[in-house]
Amino acid sequence: MEGASAQTEKIGELSRLATLAAERILETQITDHRLPRDLFTALVSAAQILEEHSAPLPPLVEQVLYEAGKRFSEADAAGEATDRDPEGDGVVATLTRFFSGFRRGERGVRPGEQ
């Protein structure tokens, strides 16, 4: 059972790191600093791994991703280009698929709702 314990510990650490990344993202928004793309990509990757292991998303992570999903929806509705570099096209497609669940409310209760 040591393997299961180690995996649980790793998932817990990933959850903690994802929360720290979400905190950093909120901090950059509050202070009007530029959001590092790598940080946001890391948060999305962590959330995807947590979901693959049926681990709940930390509330702050879910809130940040929900807000990002809303922004992607608004950008799509406005017809804005979200990323035009060739490397970014794959990132945008991946993020768009991931956020589609947040936009449709498939992830349960939306942040701030009871």
Protein backbone atom coordinates (compact mmCIF):
# COMPACT_ATOMS: atom_id res chain seq x y z
CA MET A 1 0.00 0.00 0.00
CA GLU A 2 3.02 2.26 0.04
CA GLY A 3 2.41 3.06 -3.65
CA ALA A 4 -1.12 4.33 -3.00
CA SER A 5 0.12 6.41 -0.09
CA ALA A 6 2.87 7.93 -2.23
CA GLN A 7 0.40 8.75 -4.99
CA THR A 8 -2.00 10.37 -2.51
CA GLU A 9 0.88 12.43 -1.16
CA LYS A 10 1.88 13.53 -4.67
CA ILE A 11 -1.70 14.51 -5.53
CA GLY A 12 -1.89 16.49 -2.29
CA GLU A 13 1.33 18.30 -3.16
CA LEU A 14 0.06 19.01 -6.67
CA SER A 15 -3.14 20.43 -5.19
CA ARG A 16 -1.08 22.67 -2.88
CA LEU A 17 1.11 23.89 -5.74
CA ALA A 18 -1.93 24.56 -7.93
CA THR A 19 -3.40 26.69 -5.14
CA LEU A 20 -0.13 28.64 -4.91
CA ALA A 21 -0.20 29.19 -8.68
CA ALA A 22 -3.81 30.43 -8.47
CA GLU A 23 -2.82 32.82 -5.67
CA ARG A 24 0.04 34.15 -7.79
CA ILE A 25 -2.29 34.62 -10.77
CA LEU A 26 -4.75 36.60 -8.64
CA GLU A 27 -1.86 38.67 -7.28
CA THR A 28 -0.74 39.58 -10.81
CA GLN A 29 -4.29 40.63 -11.67
CA ILE A 30 -4.65 42.76 -8.55
CA THR A 31 -1.32 44.49 -9.09
CA ASP A 32 -1.87 44.91 -12.86
CA HIS A 33 1.26 42.96 -13.69
CA ARG A 34 1.56 40.81 -16.77
CA LEU A 35 0.53 37.22 -16.20
CA PRO A 36 3.34 34.81 -17.08
CA ARG A 37 2.01 32.40 -19.70
CA ASP A 38 3.98 29.51 -18.18
CA LEU A 39 2.32 30.03 -14.81
CA PHE A 40 -1.17 29.88 -16.28
CA THR A 41 -0.31 26.87 -18.42
CA ALA A 42 1.09 25.12 -15.33
CA LEU A 43 -2.15 25.81 -13.44
CA VAL A 44 -4.25 24.33 -16.24
CA SER A 45 -1.96 21.29 -16.47
CA ALA A 46 -2.17 20.74 -12.72
CA ALA A 47 -5.97 20.96 -12.85
CA GLN A 48 -6.09 18.44 -15.67
CA ILE A 49 -3.89 16.00 -13.72
CA LEU A 50 -6.03 16.42 -10.62
CA GLU A 51 -9.15 15.68 -12.66
CA GLU A 52 -7.52 12.63 -14.25
CA HIS A 53 -6.94 11.28 -10.73
CA SER A 54 -10.49 12.19 -9.62
CA ALA A 55 -9.09 14.62 -7.07
CA PRO A 56 -11.21 17.67 -6.29
CA LEU A 57 -9.96 21.01 -7.53
CA PRO A 58 -9.05 23.40 -4.73
CA PRO A 59 -11.68 26.17 -4.53
CA LEU A 60 -9.27 28.95 -5.50
CA VAL A 61 -8.04 26.97 -8.51
CA GLU A 62 -11.60 26.37 -9.64
CA GLN A 63 -12.42 30.07 -9.24
CA VAL A 64 -9.41 31.20 -11.29
CA LEU A 65 -10.18 28.67 -14.03
CA TYR A 66 -13.86 29.58 -14.06
CA GLU A 67 -13.00 33.26 -14.51
CA ALA A 68 -10.51 32.38 -17.26
CA GLY A 69 -13.19 30.28 -18.96
CA LYS A 70 -15.57 33.25 -18.90
CA ARG A 71 -12.90 35.45 -20.45
CA PHE A 72 -12.23 32.88 -23.18
CA SER A 73 -15.99 32.76 -23.88
CA GLU A 74 -16.20 36.52 -24.09
CA ALA A 75 -13.19 36.65 -26.40
CA ASP A 76 -14.71 33.95 -28.63
CA ALA A 77 -18.04 35.78 -28.72
CA ALA A 78 -16.31 39.03 -29.64
CA GLY A 79 -14.29 37.26 -32.32
CA GLU A 80 -11.01 38.32 -30.78
CA ALA A 81 -7.83 36.39 -31.54
CA THR A 82 -6.52 34.91 -28.31
CA ASP A 83 -3.16 33.75 -29.66
CA ARG A 84 -1.62 33.87 -33.10
CA ASP A 85 1.80 32.26 -32.76
CA PRO A 86 2.01 28.74 -34.21
CA GLU A 87 3.12 27.21 -30.92
CA GLY A 88 0.26 28.92 -29.10
CA ASP A 89 -2.45 27.52 -31.36
CA GLY A 90 -2.19 24.11 -29.68
CA VAL A 91 -2.24 25.73 -26.23
CA VAL A 92 -5.33 27.75 -27.06
CA ALA A 93 -7.14 24.71 -28.46
CA THR A 94 -6.29 22.69 -25.34
CA LEU A 95 -7.37 25.49 -23.01
CA THR A 96 -10.57 26.05 -24.95
CA ARG A 97 -11.54 22.37 -24.64
CA PHE A 98 -10.66 22.36 -20.95
CA PHE A 99 -12.59 25.55 -20.20
CA SER A 100 -15.67 24.42 -22.10
CA GLY A 101 -16.76 22.46 -19.04
CA PHE A 102 -16.44 25.53 -16.85
CA ARG A 103 -18.43 27.64 -19.28
CA ARG A 104 -21.26 25.11 -19.36
CA GLY A 105 -21.22 24.72 -15.60
CA GLU A 106 -20.32 21.02 -15.75
CA ARG A 107 -17.89 21.32 -12.87
CA GLY A 108 -20.58 21.65 -10.23
CA VAL A 109 -21.46 24.83 -8.38
CA ARG A 110 -19.82 27.91 -9.82
CA PRO A 111 -17.60 29.95 -7.49
CA GLY A 112 -19.69 32.33 -5.43
CA GLU A 113 -22.90 30.33 -5.90
CA GLN A 114 -24.49 28.25 -3.16
